[in-house]
């Protein structure tokens, strides 16, 4: 199987506790995975780790061969290939829309403020 997403020996700690221990996972293009588990099982930790928002203690992640833990260029190319919609807003309540855009724009090389403004006006 040619893995689109591959994780090997992934270990992540959250709030002082080891949440992911030696996780191995391969997903091929077109496959669908469902994360099931009790609260605290590591589902959100896994997703936040894939987004680069949790630090990996050990192991590797590859998405289309890209290493998000590697160079800045690879991290950027990696992040361009994934998306995440949280079940609750993770934007600080004090942030205005303009502040959010100023925060996001440098992280997305193809950011278009005109498109963001058009979408915001629709909503």
PDB file of N, CA and C in Angstrom:
ATOM      1  N   UNK A   1       0.851  -1.182   0.000  1.00  0.00           N
ATOM      2  CA  UNK A   1       0.000   0.000   0.000  1.00  0.00           C
ATOM      3  C   UNK A   1       0.893   1.240   0.000  1.00  0.00           C
ATOM      4  N   UNK A   2       0.578   2.187  -0.874  1.00  0.00           N
ATOM      5  CA  UNK A   2       1.247   3.484  -0.880  1.00  0.00           C
ATOM      6  C   UNK A   2       0.499   4.395   0.074  1.00  0.00           C
ATOM      7  N   UNK A   3       1.118   4.714   1.192  1.00  0.00           N
ATOM      8  CA  UNK A   3       0.436   5.512   2.214  1.00  0.00           C
ATOM      9  C   UNK A   3       0.457   6.994   1.847  1.00  0.00           C
ATOM     10  N   UNK A   4      -0.707   7.611   1.906  1.00  0.00           N
ATOM     11  CA  UNK A   4      -0.830   9.057   1.759  1.00  0.00           C
ATOM     12  C   UNK A   4      -0.386   9.713   3.070  1.00  0.00           C
ATOM     13  N   UNK A   5      -0.840   9.113   4.169  1.00  0.00           N
ATOM     14  CA  UNK A   5      -0.474   9.559   5.517  1.00  0.00           C
ATOM     15  C   UNK A   5       0.124   8.379   6.258  1.00  0.00           C
ATOM     16  N   UNK A   6       1.275   8.589   6.856  1.00  0.00           N
ATOM     17  CA  UNK A   6       1.943   7.518   7.583  1.00  0.00           C
ATOM     18  C   UNK A   6       2.471   8.050   8.910  1.00  0.00           C
ATOM     19  N   UNK A   7       2.208   7.313   9.973  1.00  0.00           N
ATOM     20  CA  UNK A   7       2.746   7.647  11.293  1.00  0.00           C
ATOM     21  C   UNK A   7       3.446   6.413  11.820  1.00  0.00           C
ATOM     22  N   UNK A   8       4.619   6.606  12.401  1.00  0.00           N
ATOM     23  CA  UNK A   8       5.392   5.507  12.956  1.00  0.00           C
ATOM     24  C   UNK A   8       5.880   5.867  14.348  1.00  0.00           C
ATOM     25  N   UNK A   9       5.543   5.033  15.307  1.00  0.00           N
ATOM     26  CA  UNK A   9       6.046   5.182  16.667  1.00  0.00           C
ATOM     27  C   UNK A   9       5.715   6.510  17.309  1.00  0.00           C
ATOM     28  N   UNK A  10       4.568   7.082  16.962  1.00  0.00           N
ATOM     29  CA  UNK A  10       4.202   8.418  17.434  1.00  0.00           C
ATOM     30  C   UNK A  10       3.926   8.417  18.937  1.00  0.00           C
ATOM     31  N   UNK A  11       4.636   9.273  19.647  1.00  0.00           N
ATOM     32  CA  UNK A  11       4.443   9.440  21.090  1.00  0.00           C
ATOM     33  C   UNK A  11       4.234  10.925  21.379  1.00  0.00           C
ATOM     34  N   UNK A  12       3.156  11.230  22.110  1.00  0.00           N
ATOM     35  CA  UNK A  12       2.807  12.618  22.433  1.00  0.00           C
ATOM     36  C   UNK A  12       2.341  12.676  23.874  1.00  0.00           C
ATOM     37  N   UNK A  13       2.811  13.694  24.588  1.00  0.00           N
ATOM     38  CA  UNK A  13       2.365  13.953  25.961  1.00  0.00           C
ATOM     39  C   UNK A  13       1.461  15.178  25.943  1.00  0.00           C
ATOM     40  N   UNK A  14       0.458  15.143  26.806  1.00  0.00           N
ATOM     41  CA  UNK A  14      -0.445  16.283  26.942  1.00  0.00           C
ATOM     42  C   UNK A  14      -0.729  16.486  28.423  1.00  0.00           C
ATOM     43  N   UNK A  15      -0.497  17.704  28.880  1.00  0.00           N
ATOM     44  CA  UNK A  15      -0.697  18.038  30.302  1.00  0.00           C
ATOM     45  C   UNK A  15       0.032  17.053  31.211  1.00  0.00           C
ATOM     46  N   UNK A  16       1.257  16.720  30.829  1.00  0.00           N
ATOM     47  CA  UNK A  16       2.097  15.865  31.658  1.00  0.00           C
ATOM     48  C   UNK A  16       1.848  14.376  31.525  1.00  0.00           C
ATOM     49  N   UNK A  17       0.811  13.975  30.814  1.00  0.00           N
ATOM     50  CA  UNK A  17       0.506  12.547  30.672  1.00  0.00           C
ATOM     51  C   UNK A  17       0.797  12.088  29.246  1.00  0.00           C
ATOM     52  N   UNK A  18       1.328  10.891  29.126  1.00  0.00           N
ATOM     53  CA  UNK A  18       1.554  10.323  27.796  1.00  0.00           C
ATOM     54  C   UNK A  18       0.210   9.864  27.248  1.00  0.00           C
ATOM     55  N   UNK A  19      -0.216  10.472  26.128  1.00  0.00           N
ATOM     56  CA  UNK A  19      -1.529  10.195  25.558  1.00  0.00           C
ATOM     57  C   UNK A  19      -1.403   9.244  24.373  1.00  0.00           C
ATOM     58  N   UNK A  20      -0.436   9.497  23.506  1.00  0.00           N
ATOM     59  CA  UNK A  20      -0.192   8.604  22.373  1.00  0.00           C
ATOM     60  C   UNK A  20       1.123   7.876  22.624  1.00  0.00           C
ATOM     61  N   UNK A  21       1.087   6.565  22.540  1.00  0.00           N
ATOM     62  CA  UNK A  21       2.271   5.740  22.814  1.00  0.00           C
ATOM     63  C   UNK A  21       2.543   4.809  21.643  1.00  0.00           C
ATOM     64  N   UNK A  22       3.550   5.121  20.857  1.00  0.00           N
ATOM     65  CA  UNK A  22       3.982   4.231  19.788  1.00  0.00           C
ATOM     66  C   UNK A  22       2.940   3.981  18.712  1.00  0.00           C
ATOM     67  N   UNK A  23       2.168   5.006  18.369  1.00  0.00           N
ATOM     68  CA  UNK A  23       1.100   4.854  17.385  1.00  0.00           C
ATOM     69  C   UNK A  23       1.668   4.652  15.985  1.00  0.00           C
ATOM     70  N   UNK A  24       1.219   3.612  15.309  1.00  0.00           N
ATOM     71  CA  UNK A  24       1.534   3.357  13.902  1.00  0.00           C
ATOM     72  C   UNK A  24       0.230   3.385  13.122  1.00  0.00           C
ATOM     73  N   UNK A  25       0.221   4.111  12.001  1.00  0.00           N
ATOM     74  CA  UNK A  25      -0.985   4.207  11.185  1.00  0.00           C
ATOM     75  C   UNK A  25      -0.592   4.538   9.757  1.00  0.00           C
ATOM     76  N   UNK A  26      -1.205   3.865   8.799  1.00  0.00           N
ATOM     77  CA  UNK A  26      -1.054   4.177   7.382  1.00  0.00           C
ATOM     78  C   UNK A  26      -2.431   4.348   6.786  1.00  0.00           C
ATOM     79  N   UNK A  27      -2.613   5.412   6.033  1.00  0.00           N
ATOM     80  CA  UNK A  27      -3.858   5.634   5.299  1.00  0.00           C
ATOM     81  C   UNK A  27      -3.507   5.880   3.838  1.00  0.00           C
ATOM     82  N   UNK A  28      -4.144   5.138   2.959  1.00  0.00           N
ATOM     83  CA  UNK A  28      -3.939   5.316   1.526  1.00  0.00           C
ATOM     84  C   UNK A  28      -4.910   6.367   1.006  1.00  0.00           C
ATOM     85  N   UNK A  29      -4.610   6.917  -0.154  1.00  0.00           N
ATOM     86  CA  UNK A  29      -5.512   7.882  -0.795  1.00  0.00           C
ATOM     87  C   UNK A  29      -6.885   7.245  -0.955  1.00  0.00           C
ATOM     88  N   UNK A  30      -7.928   7.981  -0.599  1.00  0.00           N
ATOM     89  CA  UNK A  30      -9.296   7.491  -0.739  1.00  0.00           C
ATOM     90  C   UNK A  30      -9.807   6.722   0.457  1.00  0.00           C
ATOM     91  N   UNK A  31      -8.935   6.335   1.361  1.00  0.00           N
ATOM     92  CA  UNK A  31      -9.388   5.622   2.566  1.00  0.00           C
ATOM     93  C   UNK A  31     -10.001   6.617   3.541  1.00  0.00           C
ATOM     94  N   UNK A  32     -10.906   6.106   4.352  1.00  0.00           N
ATOM     95  CA  UNK A  32     -11.542   6.911   5.385  1.00  0.00           C
ATOM     96  C   UNK A  32     -11.244   6.249   6.720  1.00  0.00           C
ATOM     97  N   UNK A  33     -10.866   7.057   7.691  1.00  0.00           N
ATOM     98  CA  UNK A  33     -10.608   6.544   9.034  1.00  0.00           C
ATOM     99  C   UNK A  33     -11.549   7.234  10.008  1.00  0.00           C
ATOM    100  N   UNK A  34     -11.998   6.493  10.983  1.00  0.00           N
ATOM    101  CA  UNK A  34     -12.862   7.023  12.029  1.00  0.00           C
ATOM    102  C   UNK A  34     -12.127   6.863  13.348  1.00  0.00           C
ATOM    103  N   UNK A  35     -12.075   7.931  14.119  1.00  0.00           N
ATOM    104  CA  UNK A  35     -11.448   7.870  15.435  1.00  0.00           C
ATOM    105  C   UNK A  35     -12.535   7.691  16.476  1.00  0.00           C
ATOM    106  N   UNK A  36     -12.522   6.550  17.119  1.00  0.00           N
ATOM    107  CA  UNK A  36     -13.485   6.249  18.171  1.00  0.00           C
ATOM    108  C   UNK A  36     -12.740   6.014  19.469  1.00  0.00           C
ATOM    109  N   UNK A  37     -13.297   6.490  20.547  1.00  0.00           N
ATOM    110  CA  UNK A  37     -12.680   6.243  21.840  1.00  0.00           C
ATOM    111  C   UNK A  37     -13.327   7.106  22.900  1.00  0.00           C
ATOM    112  N   UNK A  38     -13.096   6.708  24.118  1.00  0.00           N
ATOM    113  CA  UNK A  38     -13.630   7.446  25.261  1.00  0.00           C
ATOM    114  C   UNK A  38     -12.936   8.797  25.382  1.00  0.00           C
ATOM    115  N   UNK A  39     -13.540   9.708  26.142  1.00  0.00           N
ATOM    116  CA  UNK A  39     -12.883  10.983  26.434  1.00  0.00           C
ATOM    117  C   UNK A  39     -11.513  10.689  27.029  1.00  0.00           C
ATOM    118  N   UNK A  40     -10.513  11.414  26.547  1.00  0.00           N
ATOM    119  CA  UNK A  40      -9.163  11.230  27.054  1.00  0.00           C
ATOM    120  C   UNK A  40      -8.373  10.139  26.355  1.00  0.00           C
ATOM    121  N   UNK A  41      -8.961   9.513  25.338  1.00  0.00           N
ATOM    122  CA  UNK A  41      -8.278   8.415  24.648  1.00  0.00           C
ATOM    123  C   UNK A  41      -7.198   8.906  23.692  1.00  0.00           C
ATOM    124  N   UNK A  42      -7.243  10.195  23.288  1.00  0.00           N
ATOM    125  CA  UNK A  42      -6.202  10.736  22.422  1.00  0.00           C
ATOM    126  C   UNK A  42      -6.660  11.152  21.033  1.00  0.00           C
ATOM    127  N   UNK A  43      -7.956  11.160  20.784  1.00  0.00           N
ATOM    128  CA  UNK A  43      -8.467  11.522  19.447  1.00  0.00           C
ATOM    129  C   UNK A  43      -8.089  12.955  19.081  1.00  0.00           C
ATOM    130  N   UNK A  44      -8.411  13.900  19.944  1.00  0.00           N
ATOM    131  CA  UNK A  44      -8.102  15.302  19.684  1.00  0.00           C
ATOM    132  C   UNK A  44      -6.596  15.516  19.672  1.00  0.00           C
ATOM    133  N   UNK A  45      -5.888  14.862  20.562  1.00  0.00           N
ATOM    134  CA  UNK A  45      -4.430  14.975  20.598  1.00  0.00           C
ATOM    135  C   UNK A  45      -3.836  14.548  19.265  1.00  0.00           C
ATOM    136  N   UNK A  46      -4.335  13.460  18.693  1.00  0.00           N
ATOM    137  CA  UNK A  46      -3.846  12.999  17.398  1.00  0.00           C
ATOM    138  C   UNK A  46      -4.087  14.061  16.323  1.00  0.00           C
ATOM    139  N   UNK A  47      -5.293  14.609  16.269  1.00  0.00           N
ATOM    140  CA  UNK A  47      -5.604  15.623  15.253  1.00  0.00           C
ATOM    141  C   UNK A  47      -4.756  16.879  15.443  1.00  0.00           C
ATOM    142  N   UNK A  48      -4.606  17.331  16.678  1.00  0.00           N
ATOM    143  CA  UNK A  48      -3.791  18.518  16.934  1.00  0.00           C
ATOM    144  C   UNK A  48      -2.324  18.260  16.610  1.00  0.00           C
ATOM    145  N   UNK A  49      -1.867  17.041  16.821  1.00  0.00           N
ATOM    146  CA  UNK A  49      -0.498  16.673  16.466  1.00  0.00           C
ATOM    147  C   UNK A  49      -0.315  16.722  14.958  1.00  0.00           C
ATOM    148  N   UNK A  50      -1.299  16.206  14.215  1.00  0.00           N
ATOM    149  CA  UNK A  50      -1.216  16.243  12.752  1.00  0.00           C
ATOM    150  C   UNK A  50      -1.205  17.672  12.225  1.00  0.00           C
ATOM    151  N   UNK A  51      -1.796  18.598  12.973  1.00  0.00           N
ATOM    152  CA  UNK A  51      -1.819  20.010  12.581  1.00  0.00           C
ATOM    153  C   UNK A  51      -0.580  20.766  13.055  1.00  0.00           C
ATOM    154  N   UNK A  52       0.289  20.089  13.777  1.00  0.00           N
ATOM    155  CA  UNK A  52       1.495  20.734  14.282  1.00  0.00           C
ATOM    156  C   UNK A  52       1.275  21.548  15.527  1.00  0.00           C
ATOM    157  N   UNK A  53       0.157  21.348  16.194  1.00  0.00           N
ATOM    158  CA  UNK A  53      -0.162  22.134  17.394  1.00  0.00           C
ATOM    159  C   UNK A  53       0.189  21.409  18.681  1.00  0.00           C
ATOM    160  N   UNK A  54       0.630  20.160  18.563  1.00  0.00           N
ATOM    161  CA  UNK A  54       1.117  19.400  19.722  1.00  0.00           C
ATOM    162  C   UNK A  54       2.515  18.909  19.369  1.00  0.00           C
ATOM    163  N   UNK A  55       3.394  18.923  20.342  1.00  0.00           N
ATOM    164  CA  UNK A  55       4.773  18.515  20.106  1.00  0.00           C
ATOM    165  C   UNK A  55       4.915  16.993  20.159  1.00  0.00           C
ATOM    166  N   UNK A  56       5.605  16.456  19.197  1.00  0.00           N
ATOM    167  CA  UNK A  56       5.867  15.013  19.133  1.00  0.00           C
ATOM    168  C   UNK A  56       7.093  14.705  19.978  1.00  0.00           C
ATOM    169  N   UNK A  57       6.966  13.749  20.902  1.00  0.00           N
ATOM    170  CA  UNK A  57       8.102  13.324  21.731  1.00  0.00           C
ATOM    171  C   UNK A  57       8.972  12.324  20.988  1.00  0.00           C
ATOM    172  N   UNK A  58       8.322  11.475  20.205  1.00  0.00           N
ATOM    173  CA  UNK A  58       9.052  10.462  19.440  1.00  0.00           C
ATOM    174  C   UNK A  58       8.191  10.055  18.262  1.00  0.00           C
ATOM    175  N   UNK A  59       8.839   9.537  17.230  1.00  0.00           N
ATOM    176  CA  UNK A  59       8.121   9.027  16.081  1.00  0.00           C
ATOM    177  C   UNK A  59       8.165   9.968  14.900  1.00  0.00           C
ATOM    178  N   UNK A  60       7.504   9.542  13.822  1.00  0.00           N
ATOM    179  CA  UNK A  60       7.506  10.310  12.588  1.00  0.00           C
ATOM    180  C   UNK A  60       6.099  10.426  12.020  1.00  0.00           C
ATOM    181  N   UNK A  61       5.890  11.489  11.265  1.00  0.00           N
ATOM    182  CA  UNK A  61       4.649  11.717  10.523  1.00  0.00           C
ATOM    183  C   UNK A  61       5.062  12.052   9.097  1.00  0.00           C
ATOM    184  N   UNK A  62       4.389  11.461   8.126  1.00  0.00           N
ATOM    185  CA  UNK A  62       4.614  11.801   6.728  1.00  0.00           C
ATOM    186  C   UNK A  62       3.261  11.925   6.036  1.00  0.00           C
ATOM    187  N   UNK A  63       3.075  13.004   5.306  1.00  0.00           N
ATOM    188  CA  UNK A  63       1.885  13.210   4.484  1.00  0.00           C
ATOM    189  C   UNK A  63       2.390  13.449   3.073  1.00  0.00           C
ATOM    190  N   UNK A  64       2.071  12.546   2.179  1.00  0.00           N
ATOM    191  CA  UNK A  64       2.607  12.591   0.815  1.00  0.00           C
ATOM    192  C   UNK A  64       4.121  12.729   0.839  1.00  0.00           C
ATOM    193  N   UNK A  65       4.749  12.052   1.801  1.00  0.00           N
ATOM    194  CA  UNK A  65       6.201  12.080   1.927  1.00  0.00           C
ATOM    195  C   UNK A  65       6.760  13.287   2.645  1.00  0.00           C
ATOM    196  N   UNK A  66       5.930  14.270   2.956  1.00  0.00           N
ATOM    197  CA  UNK A  66       6.391  15.491   3.618  1.00  0.00           C
ATOM    198  C   UNK A  66       6.461  15.292   5.125  1.00  0.00           C
ATOM    199  N   UNK A  67       7.491  15.864   5.725  1.00  0.00           N
ATOM    200  CA  UNK A  67       7.711  15.767   7.160  1.00  0.00           C
ATOM    201  C   UNK A  67       7.387  17.112   7.809  1.00  0.00           C
ATOM    202  N   UNK A  68       6.268  17.195   8.571  1.00  0.00           N
ATOM    203  CA  UNK A  68       5.913  18.478   9.196  1.00  0.00           C
ATOM    204  C   UNK A  68       6.903  18.885  10.280  1.00  0.00           C
ATOM    205  N   UNK A  69       7.720  17.943  10.727  1.00  0.00           N
ATOM    206  CA  UNK A  69       8.691  18.232  11.775  1.00  0.00           C
ATOM    207  C   UNK A  69      10.053  18.579  11.178  1.00  0.00           C
ATOM    208  N   UNK A  70      10.137  18.555   9.847  1.00  0.00           N
ATOM    209  CA  UNK A  70      11.394  18.828   9.147  1.00  0.00           C
ATOM    210  C   UNK A  70      11.617  20.309   8.956  1.00  0.00           C
ATOM    211  N   UNK A  71      11.998  20.679   7.767  1.00  0.00           N
ATOM    212  CA  UNK A  71      12.315  22.069   7.458  1.00  0.00           C
ATOM    213  C   UNK A  71      11.054  22.928   7.441  1.00  0.00           C
ATOM    214  N   UNK A  72      11.239  24.227   7.523  1.00  0.00           N
ATOM    215  CA  UNK A  72      10.123  25.179   7.482  1.00  0.00           C
ATOM    216  C   UNK A  72       9.375  25.044   6.152  1.00  0.00           C
ATOM    217  N   UNK A  73      10.121  24.836   5.066  1.00  0.00           N
ATOM    218  CA  UNK A  73       9.525  24.693   3.739  1.00  0.00           C
ATOM    219  C   UNK A  73       8.643  23.448   3.683  1.00  0.00           C
ATOM    220  N   UNK A  74       9.130  22.321   4.236  1.00  0.00           N
ATOM    221  CA  UNK A  74       8.317  21.099   4.244  1.00  0.00           C
ATOM    222  C   UNK A  74       7.103  21.261   5.145  1.00  0.00           C
ATOM    223  N   UNK A  75       7.273  21.932   6.277  1.00  0.00           N
ATOM    224  CA  UNK A  75       6.146  22.164   7.186  1.00  0.00           C
ATOM    225  C   UNK A  75       5.053  22.954   6.468  1.00  0.00           C
ATOM    226  N   UNK A  76       5.452  23.965   5.731  1.00  0.00           N
ATOM    227  CA  UNK A  76       4.489  24.803   5.003  1.00  0.00           C
ATOM    228  C   UNK A  76       3.751  24.009   3.932  1.00  0.00           C
ATOM    229  N   UNK A  77       4.499  23.216   3.155  1.00  0.00           N
ATOM    230  CA  UNK A  77       3.900  22.387   2.103  1.00  0.00           C
ATOM    231  C   UNK A  77       2.955  21.355   2.715  1.00  0.00           C
ATOM    232  N   UNK A  78       3.333  20.818   3.872  1.00  0.00           N
ATOM    233  CA  UNK A  78       2.507  19.855   4.601  1.00  0.00           C
ATOM    234  C   UNK A  78       1.189  20.504   5.012  1.00  0.00           C
ATOM    235  N   UNK A  79       1.265  21.682   5.633  1.00  0.00           N
ATOM    236  CA  UNK A  79       0.067  22.354   6.134  1.00  0.00           C
ATOM    237  C   UNK A  79      -0.867  22.794   5.005  1.00  0.00           C
ATOM    238  N   UNK A  80      -0.321  23.014   3.809  1.00  0.00           N
ATOM    239  CA  UNK A  80      -1.171  23.362   2.670  1.00  0.00           C
ATOM    240  C   UNK A  80      -2.047  22.197   2.240  1.00  0.00           C
ATOM    241  N   UNK A  81      -1.712  20.994   2.667  1.00  0.00           N
ATOM    242  CA  UNK A  81      -2.422  19.795   2.209  1.00  0.00           C
ATOM    243  C   UNK A  81      -3.468  19.281   3.202  1.00  0.00           C
ATOM    244  N   UNK A  82      -3.583  19.922   4.359  1.00  0.00           N
ATOM    245  CA  UNK A  82      -4.536  19.433   5.355  1.00  0.00           C
ATOM    246  C   UNK A  82      -5.484  20.542   5.771  1.00  0.00           C
ATOM    247  N   UNK A  83      -6.600  20.156   6.329  1.00  0.00           N
ATOM    248  CA  UNK A  83      -7.567  21.101   6.869  1.00  0.00           C
ATOM    249  C   UNK A  83      -8.217  20.497   8.094  1.00  0.00           C
ATOM    250  N   UNK A  84      -8.728  21.352   8.934  1.00  0.00           N
ATOM    251  CA  UNK A  84      -9.333  20.898  10.180  1.00  0.00           C
ATOM    252  C   UNK A  84     -10.428  21.880  10.566  1.00  0.00           C
ATOM    253  N   UNK A  85     -11.588  21.355  10.902  1.00  0.00           N
ATOM    254  CA  UNK A  85     -12.687  22.181  11.385  1.00  0.00           C
ATOM    255  C   UNK A  85     -13.032  21.680  12.781  1.00  0.00           C
ATOM    256  N   UNK A  86     -12.709  22.452  13.817  1.00  0.00           N
ATOM    257  CA  UNK A  86     -12.986  22.002  15.185  1.00  0.00           C
ATOM    258  C   UNK A  86     -14.481  22.033  15.488  1.00  0.00           C
ATOM    259  N   UNK A  87     -14.884  21.251  16.477  1.00  0.00           N
ATOM    260  CA  UNK A  87     -16.296  21.246  16.853  1.00  0.00           C
ATOM    261  C   UNK A  87     -16.668  22.505  17.629  1.00  0.00           C
ATOM    262  N   UNK A  88     -15.685  23.151  18.225  1.00  0.00           N
ATOM    263  CA  UNK A  88     -15.875  24.438  18.907  1.00  0.00           C
ATOM    264  C   UNK A  88     -14.799  25.389  18.414  1.00  0.00           C
ATOM    265  N   UNK A  89     -15.111  26.660  18.366  1.00  0.00           N
ATOM    266  CA  UNK A  89     -14.140  27.646  17.906  1.00  0.00           C
ATOM    267  C   UNK A  89     -12.900  27.615  18.789  1.00  0.00           C
ATOM    268  N   UNK A  90     -11.746  27.636  18.150  1.00  0.00           N
ATOM    269  CA  UNK A  90     -10.512  27.713  18.922  1.00  0.00           C
ATOM    270  C   UNK A  90      -9.852  29.082  18.786  1.00  0.00           C
ATOM    271  N   UNK A  91     -10.641  30.050  18.330  1.00  0.00           N
ATOM    272  CA  UNK A  91     -10.172  31.431  18.197  1.00  0.00           C
ATOM    273  C   UNK A  91     -10.391  32.142  19.526  1.00  0.00           C
ATOM    274  N   UNK A  92      -9.358  32.823  20.041  1.00  0.00           N
ATOM    275  CA  UNK A  92      -9.541  33.556  21.293  1.00  0.00           C
ATOM    276  C   UNK A  92     -10.690  34.561  21.174  1.00  0.00           C
ATOM    277  N   UNK A  93     -11.516  34.652  22.190  1.00  0.00           N
ATOM    278  CA  UNK A  93     -12.697  35.507  22.169  1.00  0.00           C
ATOM    279  C   UNK A  93     -12.402  36.981  21.991  1.00  0.00           C
ATOM    280  N   UNK A  94     -11.205  37.424  22.344  1.00  0.00           N
ATOM    281  CA  UNK A  94     -10.855  38.838  22.237  1.00  0.00           C
ATOM    282  C   UNK A  94     -10.464  39.234  20.814  1.00  0.00           C
ATOM    283  N   UNK A  95     -10.227  38.238  19.937  1.00  0.00           N
ATOM    284  CA  UNK A  95      -9.737  38.522  18.592  1.00  0.00           C
ATOM    285  C   UNK A  95     -10.848  39.006  17.673  1.00  0.00           C
ATOM    286  N   UNK A  96     -10.595  40.121  16.988  1.00  0.00           N
ATOM    287  CA  UNK A  96     -11.531  40.571  15.960  1.00  0.00           C
ATOM    288  C   UNK A  96     -11.247  39.784  14.686  1.00  0.00           C
ATOM    289  N   UNK A  97     -12.122  39.890  13.710  1.00  0.00           N
ATOM    290  CA  UNK A  97     -11.920  39.205  12.437  1.00  0.00           C
ATOM    291  C   UNK A  97     -10.626  39.682  11.767  1.00  0.00           C
ATOM    292  N   UNK A  98     -10.388  40.975  11.810  1.00  0.00           N
ATOM    293  CA  UNK A  98      -9.163  41.528  11.222  1.00  0.00           C
ATOM    294  C   UNK A  98      -7.913  40.989  11.902  1.00  0.00           C
ATOM    295  N   UNK A  99      -7.948  40.887  13.232  1.00  0.00           N
ATOM    296  CA  UNK A  99      -6.802  40.338  13.971  1.00  0.00           C
ATOM    297  C   UNK A  99      -6.580  38.867  13.623  1.00  0.00           C
ATOM    298  N   UNK A 100      -7.686  38.136  13.480  1.00  0.00           N
ATOM    299  CA  UNK A 100      -7.582  36.731  13.099  1.00  0.00           C
ATOM    300  C   UNK A 100      -6.945  36.606  11.724  1.00  0.00           C
ATOM    301  N   UNK A 101      -7.366  37.410  10.795  1.00  0.00           N
ATOM    302  CA  UNK A 101      -6.796  37.357   9.441  1.00  0.00           C
ATOM    303  C   UNK A 101      -5.312  37.707   9.455  1.00  0.00           C
ATOM    304  N   UNK A 102      -4.930  38.724  10.243  1.00  0.00           N
ATOM    305  CA  UNK A 102      -3.507  39.088  10.330  1.00  0.00           C
ATOM    306  C   UNK A 102      -2.690  37.941  10.931  1.00  0.00           C
ATOM    307  N   UNK A 103      -3.306  37.189  11.826  1.00  0.00           N
ATOM    308  CA  UNK A 103      -2.634  36.035  12.423  1.00  0.00           C
ATOM    309  C   UNK A 103      -2.514  34.884  11.408  1.00  0.00           C
ATOM    310  N   UNK A 104      -3.582  34.651  10.651  1.00  0.00           N
ATOM    311  CA  UNK A 104      -3.615  33.514   9.728  1.00  0.00           C
ATOM    312  C   UNK A 104      -2.831  33.743   8.437  1.00  0.00           C
ATOM    313  N   UNK A 105      -2.900  34.926   7.879  1.00  0.00           N
ATOM    314  CA  UNK A 105      -2.339  35.199   6.551  1.00  0.00           C
ATOM    315  C   UNK A 105      -0.885  34.747   6.387  1.00  0.00           C
ATOM    316  N   UNK A 106       0.027  35.030   7.319  1.00  0.00           N
ATOM    317  CA  UNK A 106       1.413  34.609   7.113  1.00  0.00           C
ATOM    318  C   UNK A 106       1.593  33.083   7.123  1.00  0.00           C
ATOM    319  N   UNK A 107       0.627  32.368   7.677  1.00  0.00           N
ATOM    320  CA  UNK A 107       0.732  30.915   7.774  1.00  0.00           C
ATOM    321  C   UNK A 107       0.236  30.197   6.515  1.00  0.00           C
ATOM    322  N   UNK A 108      -0.417  30.940   5.643  1.00  0.00           N
ATOM    323  CA  UNK A 108      -0.972  30.358   4.418  1.00  0.00           C
ATOM    324  C   UNK A 108      -0.430  31.131   3.220  1.00  0.00           C
ATOM    325  N   UNK A 109       0.519  30.547   2.501  1.00  0.00           N
ATOM    326  CA  UNK A 109       1.191  31.261   1.420  1.00  0.00           C
ATOM    327  C   UNK A 109       0.240  31.783   0.334  1.00  0.00           C
ATOM    328  N   UNK A 110      -0.873  31.130   0.135  1.00  0.00           N
ATOM    329  CA  UNK A 110      -1.802  31.577  -0.915  1.00  0.00           C
ATOM    330  C   UNK A 110      -3.005  32.328  -0.341  1.00  0.00           C
ATOM    331  N   UNK A 111      -2.846  32.893   0.840  1.00  0.00           N
ATOM    332  CA  UNK A 111      -3.925  33.642   1.488  1.00  0.00           C
ATOM    333  C   UNK A 111      -4.353  34.809   0.609  1.00  0.00           C
ATOM    334  N   UNK A 112      -5.650  34.951   0.438  1.00  0.00           N
ATOM    335  CA  UNK A 112      -6.207  36.060  -0.341  1.00  0.00           C
ATOM    336  C   UNK A 112      -7.220  36.788   0.533  1.00  0.00           C
ATOM    337  N   UNK A 113      -6.857  37.954   1.019  1.00  0.00           N
ATOM    338  CA  UNK A 113      -7.749  38.726   1.880  1.00  0.00           C
ATOM    339  C   UNK A 113      -9.049  39.057   1.163  1.00  0.00           C
ATOM    340  N   UNK A 114      -8.985  39.300  -0.143  1.00  0.00           N
ATOM    341  CA  UNK A 114     -10.211  39.640  -0.886  1.00  0.00           C
ATOM    342  C   UNK A 114     -11.203  38.470  -0.856  1.00  0.00           C
ATOM    343  N   UNK A 115     -10.695  37.247  -0.938  1.00  0.00           N
ATOM    344  CA  UNK A 115     -11.576  36.069  -0.875  1.00  0.00           C
ATOM    345  C   UNK A 115     -12.143  35.916   0.536  1.00  0.00           C
ATOM    346  N   UNK A 116     -11.299  36.117   1.546  1.00  0.00           N
ATOM    347  CA  UNK A 116     -11.759  36.028   2.931  1.00  0.00           C
ATOM    348  C   UNK A 116     -12.845  37.066   3.196  1.00  0.00           C
ATOM    349  N   UNK A 117     -12.648  38.277   2.678  1.00  0.00           N
ATOM    350  CA  UNK A 117     -13.631  39.351   2.857  1.00  0.00           C
ATOM    351  C   UNK A 117     -14.957  38.994   2.168  1.00  0.00           C
ATOM    352  N   UNK A 118     -14.876  38.428   0.977  1.00  0.00           N
ATOM    353  CA  UNK A 118     -16.081  38.033   0.242  1.00  0.00           C
ATOM    354  C   UNK A 118     -16.858  36.969   1.035  1.00  0.00           C
ATOM    355  N   UNK A 119     -16.154  36.000   1.575  1.00  0.00           N
ATOM    356  CA  UNK A 119     -16.815  34.937   2.350  1.00  0.00           C
ATOM    357  C   UNK A 119     -17.423  35.526   3.614  1.00  0.00           C
ATOM    358  N   UNK A 120     -16.680  36.397   4.303  1.00  0.00           N
ATOM    359  CA  UNK A 120     -17.190  37.022   5.534  1.00  0.00           C
ATOM    360  C   UNK A 120     -18.459  37.824   5.261  1.00  0.00           C
ATOM    361  N   UNK A 121     -18.506  38.515   4.126  1.00  0.00           N
ATOM    362  CA  UNK A 121     -19.696  39.311   3.789  1.00  0.00           C
ATOM    363  C   UNK A 121     -20.904  38.420   3.521  1.00  0.00           C
ATOM    364  N   UNK A 122     -20.681  37.228   2.990  1.00  0.00           N
ATOM    365  CA  UNK A 122     -21.777  36.290   2.771  1.00  0.00           C
ATOM    366  C   UNK A 122     -22.405  35.848   4.087  1.00  0.00           C
ATOM    367  N   UNK A 123     -21.570  35.690   5.103  1.00  0.00           N
ATOM    368  CA  UNK A 123     -22.054  35.213   6.405  1.00  0.00           C
ATOM    369  C   UNK A 123     -22.452  36.362   7.289  1.00  0.00           C
TER     370      UNK A 123
END
